[in-house]
Amino acid sequence: MPKPVPDTEESMNVCRRFCGPCPSFKPNKLNEFEPHALFCSRGKTAKPMSEVEDHGCNCFGCDLFSQYELEGGYFCFYGIEGKK
């Protein structure tokens, strides 16, 4: 069962390594919309989904994904629940 990811600077440092080069993050300019990053802790982007294109997901390789036993991925699109 997934564990909550803490919204800390330590988690954000891990996030930067994986969200930064994520194939969906930069093309969709998700850093310009709340919550800007750390979607596995903070929830999905406020950018309208009609304006977001799927170019792939780096969540599955993220250290936070395995450490907190997360499931689903695509947290920037689907929120903490991830893609079902």
N, C-alpha and C. Protein backbone atom coordinates (compact mmCIF):
# COMPACT_ATOMS: atom_id res chain seq x y z
N MET A 1 0.84 -1.18 0.00
CA MET A 1 0.00 0.00 0.00
C MET A 1 0.89 1.24 0.00
N PRO A 2 0.58 2.22 -0.85
CA PRO A 2 1.41 3.43 -0.92
C PRO A 2 1.44 4.19 0.40
N LYS A 3 2.59 4.81 0.65
CA LYS A 3 2.77 5.64 1.84
C LYS A 3 2.79 7.10 1.39
N PRO A 4 2.35 8.03 2.23
CA PRO A 4 2.38 9.45 1.86
C PRO A 4 3.82 9.94 1.65
N VAL A 5 4.02 10.68 0.59
CA VAL A 5 5.33 11.28 0.31
C VAL A 5 5.38 12.63 1.02
N PRO A 6 6.37 12.83 1.89
CA PRO A 6 6.44 14.10 2.61
C PRO A 6 6.78 15.25 1.66
N ASP A 7 6.14 16.38 1.89
CA ASP A 7 6.40 17.60 1.10
C ASP A 7 7.55 18.34 1.79
N THR A 8 8.77 17.87 1.52
CA THR A 8 9.96 18.42 2.15
C THR A 8 10.98 18.80 1.09
N GLU A 9 11.97 19.55 1.50
CA GLU A 9 13.05 19.92 0.58
C GLU A 9 13.80 18.68 0.11
N GLU A 10 13.96 17.71 0.98
CA GLU A 10 14.62 16.45 0.60
C GLU A 10 13.86 15.75 -0.53
N SER A 11 12.54 15.65 -0.38
CA SER A 11 11.72 15.05 -1.44
C SER A 11 11.81 15.87 -2.72
N MET A 12 11.80 17.20 -2.58
CA MET A 12 11.89 18.07 -3.76
C MET A 12 13.22 17.88 -4.48
N ASN A 13 14.29 17.66 -3.75
CA ASN A 13 15.59 17.43 -4.40
C ASN A 13 15.57 16.16 -5.23
N VAL A 14 14.92 15.12 -4.73
CA VAL A 14 14.78 13.88 -5.50
C VAL A 14 13.90 14.17 -6.73
N CYS A 15 12.82 14.88 -6.51
CA CYS A 15 11.89 15.22 -7.59
C CYS A 15 12.58 15.95 -8.74
N ARG A 16 13.43 16.88 -8.41
CA ARG A 16 14.12 17.67 -9.45
C ARG A 16 14.92 16.77 -10.39
N ARG A 17 15.46 15.69 -9.86
CA ARG A 17 16.26 14.78 -10.69
C ARG A 17 15.38 13.99 -11.66
N PHE A 18 14.12 13.76 -11.32
CA PHE A 18 13.25 12.94 -12.16
C PHE A 18 12.23 13.75 -12.94
N CYS A 19 11.62 14.76 -12.32
CA CYS A 19 10.65 15.59 -13.03
C CYS A 19 11.34 16.52 -14.02
N GLY A 20 12.51 17.02 -13.65
CA GLY A 20 13.23 17.93 -14.54
C GLY A 20 13.40 17.38 -15.95
N PRO A 21 13.93 16.17 -16.10
CA PRO A 21 14.09 15.60 -17.44
C PRO A 21 12.87 14.80 -17.93
N CYS A 22 11.77 14.82 -17.19
CA CYS A 22 10.58 14.06 -17.59
C CYS A 22 10.09 14.52 -18.96
N PRO A 23 9.76 13.60 -19.85
CA PRO A 23 9.33 13.96 -21.20
C PRO A 23 7.99 14.71 -21.26
N SER A 24 7.20 14.68 -20.20
CA SER A 24 5.92 15.41 -20.19
C SER A 24 6.00 16.73 -19.43
N PHE A 25 6.92 16.84 -18.49
CA PHE A 25 7.00 18.01 -17.62
C PHE A 25 7.33 19.30 -18.38
N LYS A 26 8.45 19.32 -19.08
CA LYS A 26 8.88 20.55 -19.77
C LYS A 26 7.99 20.92 -20.95
N PRO A 27 7.64 19.99 -21.85
CA PRO A 27 6.80 20.38 -22.99
C PRO A 27 5.45 20.96 -22.57
N ASN A 28 4.93 20.52 -21.45
CA ASN A 28 3.64 21.02 -20.96
C ASN A 28 3.78 22.23 -20.04
N LYS A 29 5.04 22.62 -19.77
CA LYS A 29 5.32 23.78 -18.90
C LYS A 29 4.60 23.65 -17.55
N LEU A 30 4.67 22.47 -16.97
CA LEU A 30 3.97 22.21 -15.71
C LEU A 30 4.54 23.00 -14.54
N ASN A 31 5.78 23.47 -14.69
CA ASN A 31 6.37 24.29 -13.64
C ASN A 31 5.69 25.65 -13.52
N GLU A 32 4.89 26.03 -14.50
CA GLU A 32 4.19 27.31 -14.49
C GLU A 32 2.82 27.24 -13.80
N PHE A 33 2.43 26.06 -13.36
CA PHE A 33 1.11 25.86 -12.75
C PHE A 33 1.28 25.18 -11.40
N GLU A 34 0.45 25.55 -10.44
CA GLU A 34 0.47 24.89 -9.13
C GLU A 34 0.23 23.40 -9.32
N PRO A 35 0.86 22.57 -8.61
CA PRO A 35 1.82 22.80 -7.53
C PRO A 35 3.26 22.89 -8.00
N HIS A 36 3.52 23.01 -9.28
CA HIS A 36 4.83 23.21 -9.90
C HIS A 36 5.70 21.96 -9.97
N ALA A 37 5.62 21.08 -9.00
CA ALA A 37 6.45 19.86 -8.95
C ALA A 37 6.03 19.03 -7.74
N LEU A 38 6.71 17.94 -7.51
CA LEU A 38 6.44 17.02 -6.40
C LEU A 38 4.97 16.60 -6.39
N PHE A 39 4.50 16.22 -7.55
CA PHE A 39 3.09 15.88 -7.75
C PHE A 39 2.67 14.66 -6.94
N CYS A 40 3.60 13.76 -6.66
CA CYS A 40 3.27 12.56 -5.88
C CYS A 40 2.94 12.91 -4.42
N SER A 41 3.29 14.10 -4.00
CA SER A 41 2.96 14.57 -2.66
C SER A 41 1.87 15.63 -2.69
N ARG A 42 1.95 16.54 -3.66
CA ARG A 42 1.09 17.72 -3.69
C ARG A 42 -0.17 17.57 -4.54
N GLY A 43 -0.18 16.60 -5.43
CA GLY A 43 -1.33 16.42 -6.31
C GLY A 43 -1.06 16.89 -7.72
N LYS A 44 -2.06 16.74 -8.58
CA LYS A 44 -1.89 17.01 -10.01
C LYS A 44 -1.79 18.50 -10.31
N THR A 45 -1.33 18.77 -11.51
CA THR A 45 -1.19 20.14 -11.99
C THR A 45 -2.55 20.84 -12.09
N ALA A 46 -2.53 22.15 -11.93
CA ALA A 46 -3.73 22.95 -12.10
C ALA A 46 -3.97 23.30 -13.57
N LYS A 47 -3.00 22.96 -14.42
CA LYS A 47 -3.16 23.22 -15.85
C LYS A 47 -4.31 22.36 -16.37
N PRO A 48 -5.21 22.94 -17.16
CA PRO A 48 -6.34 22.15 -17.69
C PRO A 48 -5.84 20.94 -18.49
N MET A 49 -6.42 19.79 -18.22
CA MET A 49 -6.00 18.55 -18.89
C MET A 49 -6.18 18.63 -20.40
N SER A 50 -7.07 19.46 -20.87
CA SER A 50 -7.26 19.62 -22.32
C SER A 50 -6.04 20.28 -22.97
N GLU A 51 -5.16 20.86 -22.16
CA GLU A 51 -3.96 21.52 -22.66
C GLU A 51 -2.69 20.74 -22.36
N VAL A 52 -2.83 19.52 -21.86
CA VAL A 52 -1.69 18.70 -21.48
C VAL A 52 -1.57 17.52 -22.43
N GLU A 53 -0.35 17.28 -22.92
CA GLU A 53 -0.09 16.14 -23.80
C GLU A 53 0.82 15.14 -23.09
N ASP A 54 0.50 13.88 -23.23
CA ASP A 54 1.29 12.80 -22.64
C ASP A 54 2.48 12.50 -23.53
N HIS A 55 3.67 12.71 -22.98
CA HIS A 55 4.92 12.39 -23.69
C HIS A 55 5.72 11.34 -22.94
N GLY A 56 5.10 10.71 -21.95
CA GLY A 56 5.78 9.71 -21.16
C GLY A 56 5.89 10.13 -19.71
N CYS A 57 6.37 9.21 -18.87
CA CYS A 57 6.40 9.42 -17.41
C CYS A 57 7.70 8.88 -16.83
N ASN A 58 8.34 9.68 -15.97
CA ASN A 58 9.56 9.26 -15.29
C ASN A 58 9.29 8.76 -13.87
N CYS A 59 8.05 8.82 -13.41
CA CYS A 59 7.73 8.46 -12.02
C CYS A 59 8.23 7.07 -11.64
N PHE A 60 8.12 6.13 -12.54
CA PHE A 60 8.41 4.74 -12.24
C PHE A 60 9.88 4.50 -11.87
N GLY A 61 10.77 5.36 -12.34
CA GLY A 61 12.18 5.23 -12.02
C GLY A 61 12.63 6.10 -10.86
N CYS A 62 11.72 6.90 -10.32
CA CYS A 62 12.04 7.84 -9.25
C CYS A 62 12.27 7.11 -7.93
N ASP A 63 13.24 7.59 -7.18
CA ASP A 63 13.54 7.00 -5.87
C ASP A 63 12.34 7.09 -4.93
N LEU A 64 11.55 8.17 -5.02
CA LEU A 64 10.38 8.32 -4.17
C LEU A 64 9.32 7.26 -4.49
N PHE A 65 9.21 6.90 -5.76
CA PHE A 65 8.24 5.90 -6.20
C PHE A 65 8.46 4.59 -5.47
N SER A 66 9.71 4.14 -5.44
CA SER A 66 10.00 2.87 -4.77
C SER A 66 10.02 3.03 -3.25
N GLN A 67 10.59 4.10 -2.75
CA GLN A 67 10.70 4.30 -1.30
C GLN A 67 9.33 4.35 -0.62
N TYR A 68 8.36 4.97 -1.28
CA TYR A 68 7.03 5.12 -0.68
C TYR A 68 6.00 4.16 -1.28
N GLU A 69 6.50 3.17 -2.03
CA GLU A 69 5.67 2.12 -2.60
C GLU A 69 4.49 2.69 -3.39
N LEU A 70 4.79 3.70 -4.20
CA LEU A 70 3.75 4.36 -4.98
C LEU A 70 3.29 3.47 -6.12
N GLU A 71 2.12 3.77 -6.64
CA GLU A 71 1.53 3.00 -7.74
C GLU A 71 0.94 3.96 -8.76
N GLY A 72 0.93 3.54 -9.99
CA GLY A 72 0.22 4.28 -11.03
C GLY A 72 1.05 5.23 -11.85
N GLY A 73 1.86 6.07 -11.21
CA GLY A 73 2.63 7.06 -11.95
C GLY A 73 1.76 8.16 -12.53
N TYR A 74 2.34 8.96 -13.39
CA TYR A 74 1.64 10.09 -14.02
C TYR A 74 0.95 10.96 -12.97
N PHE A 75 1.64 11.20 -11.85
CA PHE A 75 1.05 11.97 -10.76
C PHE A 75 0.75 13.41 -11.18
N CYS A 76 1.51 13.95 -12.12
CA CYS A 76 1.25 15.32 -12.59
C CYS A 76 -0.09 15.41 -13.32
N PHE A 77 -0.53 14.33 -13.93
CA PHE A 77 -1.81 14.31 -14.66
C PHE A 77 -2.98 13.87 -13.79
N TYR A 78 -2.74 12.86 -12.94
CA TYR A 78 -3.84 12.19 -12.24
C TYR A 78 -3.85 12.40 -10.73
N GLY A 79 -2.86 13.10 -10.20
CA GLY A 79 -2.83 13.33 -8.78
C GLY A 79 -2.18 12.19 -8.02
N ILE A 80 -2.34 12.22 -6.73
CA ILE A 80 -1.68 11.28 -5.85
C ILE A 80 -2.12 9.84 -6.11
N GLU A 81 -3.33 9.65 -6.61
CA GLU A 81 -3.83 8.31 -6.89
C GLU A 81 -3.08 7.68 -8.07
N GLY A 82 -2.51 8.49 -8.95
CA GLY A 82 -1.79 7.98 -10.12
C GLY A 82 -2.75 7.44 -11.17
N LYS A 83 -2.16 7.00 -12.26
CA LYS A 83 -2.93 6.46 -13.38
C LYS A 83 -3.46 5.09 -13.01
N LYS A 84 -4.72 4.87 -13.22
CA LYS A 84 -5.34 3.58 -12.89
C LYS A 84 -5.44 2.71 -14.13
